[in-house]
């Protein structure tokens, strides 16, 4: 085989284990995947995958092709990163991946100021709570709260963010004790632990939601109580910490990039700017501003 698309097909089918999964990874119709696989196996490549109840599995010959495809993919990704690293100082594209909450509540104005300060940098922002794959150039720089980032990435560990328990001002006075409710996040991180540490550990849950911004709006609307990041809640004049609520240390805030990009002038400029912007809000992030 000398067509990179054939190797991409092999990788997608190996990683997904199904025609539909491979089609989703490749952005094509599953019938196209089926047709291309049939043509590939009818040629000189031979039988590369066997279908079983658990999905498609590579044959011995297929496993060799998967290994070759992974090598080719790594070379292609390295070449793409090197291409992205090229360019003059403070000019060129950068893709920044950061959680939606950090983008909206912590760095919105700072990102606007950066783009005006460096108009020749073409900044693309991806809001996601998942860790972007920098090896695959899904992003050039990431901001994440984590206690264990990928070992091969480089950057700065700043400090942990803080969380506390909040409600809308007047909520406790207007809501009888047996009617008070919690607004929870769907990931339920240490739910029993944070509820036990709250002033109202016995209150039931009203509902859970995956969208932290929606939950913040619900908190502002007085729908219930919530544990949330201090940098989101403390600047809101209509929100208050629950009586007796303490701050809880969250994960460390990291600003990271790929080793192949760390010496690129515009990447260094953005990372330095982001670190400075976050450090300037340290007391807010650590829950000490109020």
C-alpha atoms as a PDB file:
ATOM      1  CA  UNK A   1       0.000   0.000   0.000  1.00  0.00           C
ATOM      2  CA  UNK A   2       1.258   3.467  -0.842  1.00  0.00           C
ATOM      3  CA  UNK A   3      -1.863   5.513  -0.050  1.00  0.00           C
ATOM      4  CA  UNK A   4      -1.848   7.255   3.354  1.00  0.00           C
ATOM      5  CA  UNK A   5      -5.666   7.155   3.366  1.00  0.00           C
ATOM      6  CA  UNK A   6      -5.486   3.351   3.426  1.00  0.00           C
ATOM      7  CA  UNK A   7      -3.274   3.464   6.505  1.00  0.00           C
ATOM      8  CA  UNK A   8      -5.629   5.960   8.144  1.00  0.00           C
ATOM      9  CA  UNK A   9      -8.483   3.536   7.466  1.00  0.00           C
ATOM     10  CA  UNK A  10      -6.547   0.707   9.115  1.00  0.00           C
ATOM     11  CA  UNK A  11      -5.804   2.840  12.168  1.00  0.00           C
ATOM     12  CA  UNK A  12      -9.401   4.008  12.509  1.00  0.00           C
ATOM     13  CA  UNK A  13     -10.782   0.472  12.280  1.00  0.00           C
ATOM     14  CA  UNK A  14      -8.181  -0.834  14.734  1.00  0.00           C
ATOM     15  CA  UNK A  15      -8.915   1.915  17.264  1.00  0.00           C
ATOM     16  CA  UNK A  16     -12.685   1.801  17.014  1.00  0.00           C
ATOM     17  CA  UNK A  17     -13.257  -1.885  16.343  1.00  0.00           C
ATOM     18  CA  UNK A  18     -16.258  -1.189  14.110  1.00  0.00           C
ATOM     19  CA  UNK A  19     -17.143   0.198  10.707  1.00  0.00           C
ATOM     20  CA  UNK A  20     -19.327   2.919  12.193  1.00  0.00           C
ATOM     21  CA  UNK A  21     -16.663   3.865  14.698  1.00  0.00           C
ATOM     22  CA  UNK A  22     -14.032   4.070  11.982  1.00  0.00           C
ATOM     23  CA  UNK A  23     -16.375   6.151   9.826  1.00  0.00           C
ATOM     24  CA  UNK A  24     -16.884   8.591  12.698  1.00  0.00           C
ATOM     25  CA  UNK A  25     -13.131   8.943  13.210  1.00  0.00           C
ATOM     26  CA  UNK A  26     -12.566   9.524   9.498  1.00  0.00           C
ATOM     27  CA  UNK A  27     -15.582  11.752   8.954  1.00  0.00           C
ATOM     28  CA  UNK A  28     -17.061   9.585   6.196  1.00  0.00           C
ATOM     29  CA  UNK A  29     -20.028   7.234   5.730  1.00  0.00           C
ATOM     30  CA  UNK A  30     -19.721   3.739   7.208  1.00  0.00           C
ATOM     31  CA  UNK A  31     -20.662   2.189   3.861  1.00  0.00           C
ATOM     32  CA  UNK A  32     -17.642   3.938   2.368  1.00  0.00           C
ATOM     33  CA  UNK A  33     -15.455   2.368   5.051  1.00  0.00           C
ATOM     34  CA  UNK A  34     -16.920  -1.057   4.276  1.00  0.00           C
ATOM     35  CA  UNK A  35     -16.345  -0.622   0.546  1.00  0.00           C
ATOM     36  CA  UNK A  36     -12.772   0.618   0.989  1.00  0.00           C
ATOM     37  CA  UNK A  37     -11.915  -2.199   3.398  1.00  0.00           C
ATOM     38  CA  UNK A  38     -13.302  -4.800   0.993  1.00  0.00           C
ATOM     39  CA  UNK A  39     -11.268  -3.335  -1.877  1.00  0.00           C
ATOM     40  CA  UNK A  40      -8.163  -3.194   0.276  1.00  0.00           C
ATOM     41  CA  UNK A  41      -8.455  -6.825   1.386  1.00  0.00           C
ATOM     42  CA  UNK A  42      -9.253  -7.990  -2.137  1.00  0.00           C
ATOM     43  CA  UNK A  43      -5.920  -6.588  -3.301  1.00  0.00           C
ATOM     44  CA  UNK A  44      -2.362  -7.537  -2.486  1.00  0.00           C
ATOM     45  CA  UNK A  45      -2.718  -6.570   1.180  1.00  0.00           C
ATOM     46  CA  UNK A  46      -4.773  -9.700   1.902  1.00  0.00           C
ATOM     47  CA  UNK A  47      -7.054 -10.198   4.896  1.00  0.00           C
ATOM     48  CA  UNK A  48      -6.173  -7.540   7.465  1.00  0.00           C
ATOM     49  CA  UNK A  49      -9.178  -7.738   9.804  1.00  0.00           C
ATOM     50  CA  UNK A  50     -11.414 -10.506  11.044  1.00  0.00           C
ATOM     51  CA  UNK A  51     -14.940  -9.791  12.215  1.00  0.00           C
ATOM     52  CA  UNK A  52     -16.150 -11.334  15.474  1.00  0.00           C
ATOM     53  CA  UNK A  53     -18.935 -10.736  17.976  1.00  0.00           C
ATOM     54  CA  UNK A  54     -16.729  -8.154  19.734  1.00  0.00           C
ATOM     55  CA  UNK A  55     -15.938  -6.278  16.518  1.00  0.00           C
ATOM     56  CA  UNK A  56     -13.097  -6.099  14.009  1.00  0.00           C
ATOM     57  CA  UNK A  57      -9.707  -7.433  15.068  1.00  0.00           C
ATOM     58  CA  UNK A  58      -6.492  -7.297  13.027  1.00  0.00           C
ATOM     59  CA  UNK A  59      -5.035 -10.524  11.681  1.00  0.00           C
ATOM     60  CA  UNK A  60      -1.309 -11.175  11.967  1.00  0.00           C
ATOM     61  CA  UNK A  61      -0.791  -9.357   8.681  1.00  0.00           C
ATOM     62  CA  UNK A  62      -3.158  -6.626   9.822  1.00  0.00           C
ATOM     63  CA  UNK A  63      -1.225  -6.115  13.051  1.00  0.00           C
ATOM     64  CA  UNK A  64       1.913  -5.442  11.022  1.00  0.00           C
ATOM     65  CA  UNK A  65       0.037  -2.912   8.939  1.00  0.00           C
ATOM     66  CA  UNK A  66      -1.305  -1.252  12.098  1.00  0.00           C
ATOM     67  CA  UNK A  67       2.270  -0.912  13.388  1.00  0.00           C
ATOM     68  CA  UNK A  68       3.405   0.602  10.101  1.00  0.00           C
ATOM     69  CA  UNK A  69       0.424   2.965  10.093  1.00  0.00           C
ATOM     70  CA  UNK A  70       1.233   4.145  13.628  1.00  0.00           C
ATOM     71  CA  UNK A  71       4.814   4.870  12.558  1.00  0.00           C
ATOM     72  CA  UNK A  72       3.590   6.846   9.566  1.00  0.00           C
ATOM     73  CA  UNK A  73       1.092   8.736  11.710  1.00  0.00           C
ATOM     74  CA  UNK A  74       3.802   9.714  14.188  1.00  0.00           C
ATOM     75  CA  UNK A  75       6.008  11.024  11.367  1.00  0.00           C
ATOM     76  CA  UNK A  76       3.096  12.982   9.882  1.00  0.00           C
ATOM     77  CA  UNK A  77       2.191  14.481  13.255  1.00  0.00           C
ATOM     78  CA  UNK A  78       5.793  15.441  13.954  1.00  0.00           C
ATOM     79  CA  UNK A  79       6.006  17.127  10.568  1.00  0.00           C
ATOM     80  CA  UNK A  80       2.782  19.021  11.249  1.00  0.00           C
ATOM     81  CA  UNK A  81       4.056  20.226  14.632  1.00  0.00           C
ATOM     82  CA  UNK A  82       7.317  21.354  13.072  1.00  0.00           C
ATOM     83  CA  UNK A  83       5.380  23.212  10.399  1.00  0.00           C
ATOM     84  CA  UNK A  84       3.257  24.895  13.081  1.00  0.00           C
ATOM     85  CA  UNK A  85       6.415  25.827  14.997  1.00  0.00           C
ATOM     86  CA  UNK A  86       7.797  27.664  11.978  1.00  0.00           C
ATOM     87  CA  UNK A  87       7.236  31.341  11.393  1.00  0.00           C
ATOM     88  CA  UNK A  88       8.466  34.673  12.571  1.00  0.00           C
ATOM     89  CA  UNK A  89       8.195  35.966  16.110  1.00  0.00           C
ATOM     90  CA  UNK A  90       4.669  36.739  17.332  1.00  0.00           C
ATOM     91  CA  UNK A  91       3.075  35.841  14.025  1.00  0.00           C
ATOM     92  CA  UNK A  92       1.134  32.793  12.916  1.00  0.00           C
ATOM     93  CA  UNK A  93      -1.618  30.461  14.169  1.00  0.00           C
ATOM     94  CA  UNK A  94      -2.096  29.166  17.714  1.00  0.00           C
ATOM     95  CA  UNK A  95      -4.846  26.857  18.945  1.00  0.00           C
ATOM     96  CA  UNK A  96      -5.556  27.246  22.654  1.00  0.00           C
ATOM     97  CA  UNK A  97      -7.586  24.630  24.524  1.00  0.00           C
ATOM     98  CA  UNK A  98      -9.041  25.541  27.893  1.00  0.00           C
ATOM     99  CA  UNK A  99     -12.077  24.682  30.032  1.00  0.00           C
ATOM    100  CA  UNK A 100     -15.147  26.758  29.295  1.00  0.00           C
ATOM    101  CA  UNK A 101     -15.346  28.020  32.876  1.00  0.00           C
ATOM    102  CA  UNK A 102     -11.774  29.347  32.833  1.00  0.00           C
ATOM    103  CA  UNK A 103     -12.357  30.995  29.477  1.00  0.00           C
ATOM    104  CA  UNK A 104     -15.641  32.668  30.452  1.00  0.00           C
ATOM    105  CA  UNK A 105     -15.094  33.549  34.087  1.00  0.00           C
ATOM    106  CA  UNK A 106     -11.355  34.022  34.404  1.00  0.00           C
ATOM    107  CA  UNK A 107      -9.622  34.926  31.136  1.00  0.00           C
ATOM    108  CA  UNK A 108     -12.243  36.401  28.808  1.00  0.00           C
ATOM    109  CA  UNK A 109     -10.973  39.978  28.997  1.00  0.00           C
ATOM    110  CA  UNK A 110      -7.343  38.908  29.058  1.00  0.00           C
ATOM    111  CA  UNK A 111      -7.747  36.897  25.846  1.00  0.00           C
ATOM    112  CA  UNK A 112      -9.386  39.898  24.197  1.00  0.00           C
ATOM    113  CA  UNK A 113      -6.460  42.095  25.278  1.00  0.00           C
ATOM    114  CA  UNK A 114      -3.943  39.535  23.980  1.00  0.00           C
ATOM    115  CA  UNK A 115      -5.521  39.445  20.534  1.00  0.00           C
ATOM    116  CA  UNK A 116      -5.442  43.251  20.333  1.00  0.00           C
ATOM    117  CA  UNK A 117      -1.854  43.342  21.567  1.00  0.00           C
ATOM    118  CA  UNK A 118      -0.705  40.723  19.038  1.00  0.00           C
ATOM    119  CA  UNK A 119      -2.908  41.161  15.946  1.00  0.00           C
ATOM    120  CA  UNK A 120      -0.627  39.002  13.782  1.00  0.00           C
ATOM    121  CA  UNK A 121      -1.236  35.938  15.949  1.00  0.00           C
ATOM    122  CA  UNK A 122      -4.224  34.005  14.643  1.00  0.00           C
ATOM    123  CA  UNK A 123      -5.717  32.618  17.862  1.00  0.00           C
ATOM    124  CA  UNK A 124      -8.270  29.805  17.813  1.00  0.00           C
ATOM    125  CA  UNK A 125      -9.871  28.806  21.111  1.00  0.00           C
ATOM    126  CA  UNK A 126     -11.322  25.369  21.805  1.00  0.00           C
ATOM    127  CA  UNK A 127     -13.462  25.135  24.945  1.00  0.00           C
ATOM    128  CA  UNK A 128     -13.276  21.639  26.379  1.00  0.00           C
ATOM    129  CA  UNK A 129     -12.893  19.864  29.700  1.00  0.00           C
ATOM    130  CA  UNK A 130     -11.173  16.970  27.964  1.00  0.00           C
ATOM    131  CA  UNK A 131      -7.395  17.032  27.603  1.00  0.00           C
ATOM    132  CA  UNK A 132      -6.600  17.989  24.006  1.00  0.00           C
ATOM    133  CA  UNK A 133      -4.123  15.665  22.318  1.00  0.00           C
ATOM    134  CA  UNK A 134      -1.119  17.866  21.563  1.00  0.00           C
ATOM    135  CA  UNK A 135       0.650  14.980  19.830  1.00  0.00           C
ATOM    136  CA  UNK A 136      -2.106  15.050  17.209  1.00  0.00           C
ATOM    137  CA  UNK A 137      -2.035  18.866  17.017  1.00  0.00           C
ATOM    138  CA  UNK A 138      -5.544  19.167  18.412  1.00  0.00           C
ATOM    139  CA  UNK A 139      -4.135  22.213  20.226  1.00  0.00           C
ATOM    140  CA  UNK A 140      -0.817  24.010  20.648  1.00  0.00           C
ATOM    141  CA  UNK A 141      -1.323  25.249  24.211  1.00  0.00           C
ATOM    142  CA  UNK A 142      -3.625  23.926  26.925  1.00  0.00           C
ATOM    143  CA  UNK A 143      -4.780  25.284  30.268  1.00  0.00           C
ATOM    144  CA  UNK A 144      -6.044  22.577  32.576  1.00  0.00           C
ATOM    145  CA  UNK A 145      -6.780  21.867  36.182  1.00  0.00           C
ATOM    146  CA  UNK A 146      -5.076  18.553  36.863  1.00  0.00           C
ATOM    147  CA  UNK A 147      -2.828  16.878  39.376  1.00  0.00           C
ATOM    148  CA  UNK A 148      -1.211  14.644  36.783  1.00  0.00           C
ATOM    149  CA  UNK A 149      -0.717  16.091  33.289  1.00  0.00           C
ATOM    150  CA  UNK A 150       0.847  13.955  30.526  1.00  0.00           C
ATOM    151  CA  UNK A 151       4.501  13.460  31.445  1.00  0.00           C
ATOM    152  CA  UNK A 152       5.942  14.513  28.096  1.00  0.00           C
ATOM    153  CA  UNK A 153       4.254  17.921  27.942  1.00  0.00           C
ATOM    154  CA  UNK A 154       6.150  21.010  29.110  1.00  0.00           C
ATOM    155  CA  UNK A 155       5.033  24.212  30.779  1.00  0.00           C
ATOM    156  CA  UNK A 156       4.236  25.619  34.197  1.00  0.00           C
ATOM    157  CA  UNK A 157       2.356  24.388  37.227  1.00  0.00           C
ATOM    158  CA  UNK A 158       0.963  27.513  38.879  1.00  0.00           C
ATOM    159  CA  UNK A 159      -1.162  26.805  41.962  1.00  0.00           C
ATOM    160  CA  UNK A 160      -4.405  24.988  42.829  1.00  0.00           C
ATOM    161  CA  UNK A 161      -7.780  26.605  42.434  1.00  0.00           C
ATOM    162  CA  UNK A 162     -10.200  26.646  45.356  1.00  0.00           C
ATOM    163  CA  UNK A 163     -13.862  25.696  45.665  1.00  0.00           C
ATOM    164  CA  UNK A 164     -16.506  26.482  48.248  1.00  0.00           C
ATOM    165  CA  UNK A 165     -20.243  26.172  48.858  1.00  0.00           C
ATOM    166  CA  UNK A 166     -22.533  28.959  47.634  1.00  0.00           C
ATOM    167  CA  UNK A 167     -26.129  30.092  47.283  1.00  0.00           C
ATOM    168  CA  UNK A 168     -27.931  33.196  46.115  1.00  0.00           C
ATOM    169  CA  UNK A 169     -28.279  35.926  48.737  1.00  0.00           C
ATOM    170  CA  UNK A 170     -31.635  35.499  50.423  1.00  0.00           C
ATOM    171  CA  UNK A 171     -31.975  31.821  49.438  1.00  0.00           C
ATOM    172  CA  UNK A 172     -31.550  30.526  52.995  1.00  0.00           C
ATOM    173  CA  UNK A 173     -33.979  33.073  54.440  1.00  0.00           C
ATOM    174  CA  UNK A 174     -36.596  32.441  51.769  1.00  0.00           C
ATOM    175  CA  UNK A 175     -36.290  28.641  51.612  1.00  0.00           C
ATOM    176  CA  UNK A 176     -37.411  26.410  54.498  1.00  0.00           C
ATOM    177  CA  UNK A 177     -34.709  23.972  55.681  1.00  0.00           C
ATOM    178  CA  UNK A 178     -36.568  20.923  54.306  1.00  0.00           C
ATOM    179  CA  UNK A 179     -36.895  22.588  50.868  1.00  0.00           C
ATOM    180  CA  UNK A 180     -33.213  23.453  50.371  1.00  0.00           C
ATOM    181  CA  UNK A 181     -31.587  21.593  47.504  1.00  0.00           C
ATOM    182  CA  UNK A 182     -28.177  21.058  45.934  1.00  0.00           C
ATOM    183  CA  UNK A 183     -27.297  21.669  42.282  1.00  0.00           C
ATOM    184  CA  UNK A 184     -24.721  19.058  41.356  1.00  0.00           C
ATOM    185  CA  UNK A 185     -22.296  18.504  38.517  1.00  0.00           C
ATOM    186  CA  UNK A 186     -22.686  15.234  36.627  1.00  0.00           C
ATOM    187  CA  UNK A 187     -19.092  14.171  37.174  1.00  0.00           C
ATOM    188  CA  UNK A 188     -19.885  13.888  40.932  1.00  0.00           C
ATOM    189  CA  UNK A 189     -16.255  14.370  41.924  1.00  0.00           C
ATOM    190  CA  UNK A 190     -15.910  13.192  45.567  1.00  0.00           C
ATOM    191  CA  UNK A 191     -19.625  13.870  46.039  1.00  0.00           C
ATOM    192  CA  UNK A 192     -19.965  12.202  49.439  1.00  0.00           C
ATOM    193  CA  UNK A 193     -16.842  13.957  50.676  1.00  0.00           C
ATOM    194  CA  UNK A 194     -17.862  17.477  49.627  1.00  0.00           C
ATOM    195  CA  UNK A 195     -21.408  17.065  50.858  1.00  0.00           C
ATOM    196  CA  UNK A 196     -20.210  15.874  54.230  1.00  0.00           C
ATOM    197  CA  UNK A 197     -17.936  18.923  54.440  1.00  0.00           C
ATOM    198  CA  UNK A 198     -20.757  21.328  53.590  1.00  0.00           C
ATOM    199  CA  UNK A 199     -22.951  23.160  56.114  1.00  0.00           C
ATOM    200  CA  UNK A 200     -26.027  21.361  54.721  1.00  0.00           C
ATOM    201  CA  UNK A 201     -24.833  17.810  54.208  1.00  0.00           C
ATOM    202  CA  UNK A 202     -28.317  16.278  54.555  1.00  0.00           C
ATOM    203  CA  UNK A 203     -30.002  18.395  51.867  1.00  0.00           C
ATOM    204  CA  UNK A 204     -31.015  16.352  48.804  1.00  0.00           C
ATOM    205  CA  UNK A 205     -30.131  17.091  45.190  1.00  0.00           C
ATOM    206  CA  UNK A 206     -32.509  19.055  42.981  1.00  0.00           C
ATOM    207  CA  UNK A 207     -30.819  17.926  39.752  1.00  0.00           C
ATOM    208  CA  UNK A 208     -27.418  17.362  38.176  1.00  0.00           C
ATOM    209  CA  UNK A 209     -26.017  18.944  35.043  1.00  0.00           C
ATOM    210  CA  UNK A 210     -22.898  18.661  32.917  1.00  0.00           C
ATOM    211  CA  UNK A 211     -22.811  22.326  31.882  1.00  0.00           C
ATOM    212  CA  UNK A 212     -21.033  24.295  34.611  1.00  0.00           C
ATOM    213  CA  UNK A 213     -22.160  27.594  33.097  1.00  0.00           C
ATOM    214  CA  UNK A 214     -25.797  26.487  33.223  1.00  0.00           C
ATOM    215  CA  UNK A 215     -25.363  25.420  36.835  1.00  0.00           C
ATOM    216  CA  UNK A 216     -23.847  28.817  37.615  1.00  0.00           C
ATOM    217  CA  UNK A 217     -26.901  30.503  36.075  1.00  0.00           C
ATOM    218  CA  UNK A 218     -29.166  28.244  38.127  1.00  0.00           C
ATOM    219  CA  UNK A 219     -27.241  29.213  41.250  1.00  0.00           C
ATOM    220  CA  UNK A 220     -27.660  32.905  40.418  1.00  0.00           C
ATOM    221  CA  UNK A 221     -31.377  32.324  39.863  1.00  0.00           C
ATOM    222  CA  UNK A 222     -31.721  30.975  43.398  1.00  0.00           C
ATOM    223  CA  UNK A 223     -32.657  27.447  42.362  1.00  0.00           C
ATOM    224  CA  UNK A 224     -30.418  25.824  44.955  1.00  0.00           C
ATOM    225  CA  UNK A 225     -26.994  25.554  46.548  1.00  0.00           C
ATOM    226  CA  UNK A 226     -23.820  24.422  44.827  1.00  0.00           C
ATOM    227  CA  UNK A 227     -20.160  23.762  45.298  1.00  0.00           C
ATOM    228  CA  UNK A 228     -18.273  25.714  42.673  1.00  0.00           C
ATOM    229  CA  UNK A 229     -14.963  27.376  41.927  1.00  0.00           C
ATOM    230  CA  UNK A 230     -14.318  30.512  43.957  1.00  0.00           C
ATOM    231  CA  UNK A 231     -13.192  32.410  40.848  1.00  0.00           C
ATOM    232  CA  UNK A 232     -16.660  31.860  39.372  1.00  0.00           C
ATOM    233  CA  UNK A 233     -18.761  32.702  42.423  1.00  0.00           C
ATOM    234  CA  UNK A 234     -16.847  35.250  44.519  1.00  0.00           C
ATOM    235  CA  UNK A 235     -17.046  38.093  41.942  1.00  0.00           C
ATOM    236  CA  UNK A 236     -20.849  37.741  41.818  1.00  0.00           C
ATOM    237  CA  UNK A 237     -22.486  40.273  44.202  1.00  0.00           C
ATOM    238  CA  UNK A 238     -25.696  38.219  44.271  1.00  0.00           C
ATOM    239  CA  UNK A 239     -23.937  35.074  45.536  1.00  0.00           C
ATOM    240  CA  UNK A 240     -22.689  34.305  49.030  1.00  0.00           C
ATOM    241  CA  UNK A 241     -20.807  31.482  50.647  1.00  0.00           C
ATOM    242  CA  UNK A 242     -22.929  29.312  52.860  1.00  0.00           C
ATOM    243  CA  UNK A 243     -22.489  30.141  56.559  1.00  0.00           C
ATOM    244  CA  UNK A 244     -19.501  28.224  57.869  1.00  0.00           C
ATOM    245  CA  UNK A 245     -18.405  27.110  54.392  1.00  0.00           C
ATOM    246  CA  UNK A 246     -14.686  26.514  54.024  1.00  0.00           C
ATOM    247  CA  UNK A 247     -12.535  26.593  50.905  1.00  0.00           C
ATOM    248  CA  UNK A 248     -11.569  23.260  49.397  1.00  0.00           C
ATOM    249  CA  UNK A 249      -8.373  22.855  47.417  1.00  0.00           C
ATOM    250  CA  UNK A 250      -8.961  21.717  43.867  1.00  0.00           C
ATOM    251  CA  UNK A 251      -6.484  20.643  41.222  1.00  0.00           C
ATOM    252  CA  UNK A 252      -3.352  22.472  40.138  1.00  0.00           C
ATOM    253  CA  UNK A 253      -3.655  24.915  37.247  1.00  0.00           C
ATOM    254  CA  UNK A 254      -1.235  24.062  34.417  1.00  0.00           C
ATOM    255  CA  UNK A 255      -0.264  25.914  31.230  1.00  0.00           C
ATOM    256  CA  UNK A 256       1.260  23.372  28.839  1.00  0.00           C
ATOM    257  CA  UNK A 257       2.541  22.845  25.322  1.00  0.00           C
ATOM    258  CA  UNK A 258       4.255  20.140  23.289  1.00  0.00           C
ATOM    259  CA  UNK A 259       8.083  19.879  23.489  1.00  0.00           C
ATOM    260  CA  UNK A 260       8.279  20.456  19.720  1.00  0.00           C
ATOM    261  CA  UNK A 261       6.582  23.852  20.183  1.00  0.00           C
ATOM    262  CA  UNK A 262       8.153  25.109  23.398  1.00  0.00           C
ATOM    263  CA  UNK A 263      10.775  27.300  21.661  1.00  0.00           C
ATOM    264  CA  UNK A 264       8.377  28.799  19.113  1.00  0.00           C
ATOM    265  CA  UNK A 265       8.315  32.566  19.782  1.00  0.00           C
ATOM    266  CA  UNK A 266       4.537  33.056  19.520  1.00  0.00           C
ATOM    267  CA  UNK A 267       3.882  29.993  21.726  1.00  0.00           C
ATOM    268  CA  UNK A 268       6.261  31.343  24.351  1.00  0.00           C
ATOM    269  CA  UNK A 269       4.577  34.740  24.121  1.00  0.00           C
ATOM    270  CA  UNK A 270       1.101  33.302  24.677  1.00  0.00           C
ATOM    271  CA  UNK A 271       2.173  30.991  27.507  1.00  0.00           C
ATOM    272  CA  UNK A 272       3.992  33.792  29.310  1.00  0.00           C
ATOM    273  CA  UNK A 273       0.971  36.071  28.886  1.00  0.00           C
ATOM    274  CA  UNK A 274      -1.456  33.438  30.186  1.00  0.00           C
ATOM    275  CA  UNK A 275       0.720  32.606  33.183  1.00  0.00           C
ATOM    276  CA  UNK A 276       1.028  36.280  34.091  1.00  0.00           C
ATOM    277  CA  UNK A 277      -2.741  36.767  33.730  1.00  0.00           C
ATOM    278  CA  UNK A 278      -3.514  33.793  35.962  1.00  0.00           C
ATOM    279  CA  UNK A 279      -0.921  34.757  38.577  1.00  0.00           C
ATOM    280  CA  UNK A 280      -2.406  38.276  38.718  1.00  0.00           C
ATOM    281  CA  UNK A 281      -5.684  36.677  39.869  1.00  0.00           C
ATOM    282  CA  UNK A 282      -4.134  34.294  42.358  1.00  0.00           C
ATOM    283  CA  UNK A 283      -6.045  35.523  45.390  1.00  0.00           C
ATOM    284  CA  UNK A 284      -9.341  35.140  43.499  1.00  0.00           C
ATOM    285  CA  UNK A 285      -8.441  31.672  42.222  1.00  0.00           C
ATOM    286  CA  UNK A 286      -7.314  30.495  45.641  1.00  0.00           C
ATOM    287  CA  UNK A 287     -10.499  31.772  47.245  1.00  0.00           C
ATOM    288  CA  UNK A 288      -8.900  34.542  49.286  1.00  0.00           C
ATOM    289  CA  UNK A 289     -10.277  37.576  47.423  1.00  0.00           C
ATOM    290  CA  UNK A 290     -13.520  37.760  49.409  1.00  0.00           C
END
